[in-house]
Protein backbone atom coordinates (compact mmCIF):
# COMPACT_ATOMS: atom_id res chain seq x y z
CA UNK A 1 -13.07 -9.10 16.90
CA UNK A 2 -10.64 -10.66 14.42
CA UNK A 3 -11.25 -14.14 15.83
CA UNK A 4 -15.02 -13.58 15.64
CA UNK A 5 -14.94 -12.81 11.92
CA UNK A 6 -12.50 -15.65 11.17
CA UNK A 7 -15.25 -18.29 11.01
CA UNK A 8 -17.33 -16.22 8.60
CA UNK A 9 -14.34 -15.50 6.32
CA UNK A 10 -13.35 -19.18 6.29
CA UNK A 11 -16.88 -20.22 5.36
CA UNK A 12 -17.20 -17.66 2.58
CA UNK A 13 -13.74 -18.57 1.25
CA UNK A 14 -14.75 -22.23 1.20
CA UNK A 15 -17.84 -21.39 -0.80
CA UNK A 16 -16.08 -19.26 -3.40
CA UNK A 17 -12.71 -21.02 -3.65
CA UNK A 18 -13.66 -24.66 -3.06
CA UNK A 19 -17.26 -24.62 -4.35
CA UNK A 20 -18.62 -25.91 -1.04
CA UNK A 21 -22.33 -25.77 -0.28
CA UNK A 22 -23.85 -23.99 2.73
CA UNK A 23 -27.12 -25.22 4.20
CA UNK A 24 -29.73 -23.18 6.06
CA UNK A 25 -28.02 -23.70 9.42
CA UNK A 26 -24.79 -22.32 7.95
CA UNK A 27 -26.53 -19.16 6.73
CA UNK A 28 -28.20 -18.69 10.12
CA UNK A 29 -24.82 -19.14 11.84
CA UNK A 30 -23.19 -16.52 9.62
CA UNK A 31 -26.00 -14.06 10.32
CA UNK A 32 -25.73 -14.65 14.07
CA UNK A 33 -21.95 -14.17 14.01
CA UNK A 34 -22.21 -10.92 12.03
CA UNK A 35 -24.98 -9.66 14.32
CA UNK A 36 -22.89 -10.42 17.40
CA UNK A 37 -19.96 -8.46 15.97
CA UNK A 38 -22.22 -5.47 15.31
CA UNK A 39 -23.71 -5.67 18.81
CA UNK A 40 -20.24 -5.85 20.40
CA UNK A 41 -19.22 -2.64 18.61
CA UNK A 42 -22.28 -0.55 19.51
CA UNK A 43 -21.50 1.95 22.23
CA UNK A 44 -24.35 2.34 24.65
CA UNK A 45 -24.90 5.78 26.20
CA UNK A 46 -24.03 5.91 29.88
CA UNK A 47 -26.99 6.45 32.17
CA UNK A 48 -26.54 9.22 34.73
CA UNK A 49 -27.92 8.52 38.15
CA UNK A 50 -30.26 11.22 39.44
CA UNK A 51 -30.01 12.31 43.05
CA UNK A 52 -26.27 12.86 43.23
C-alpha cells in the first residue's frame, strides 16, 4: 500500500513545493490510484455455500 500511494504523494509534493502543473491526465491518474487503494482495502463478505 505504501508503494501505491508513493506516486500520488510525489505528484502532490511536486505541485506544492516545486510549483509544477498537472494536466487532466495527471488528475485522472491520481483519482485512479486513490480508487485502487480504496478497493484493495475493502473487505468483501465471504459467501457461504449452501448444501453443505
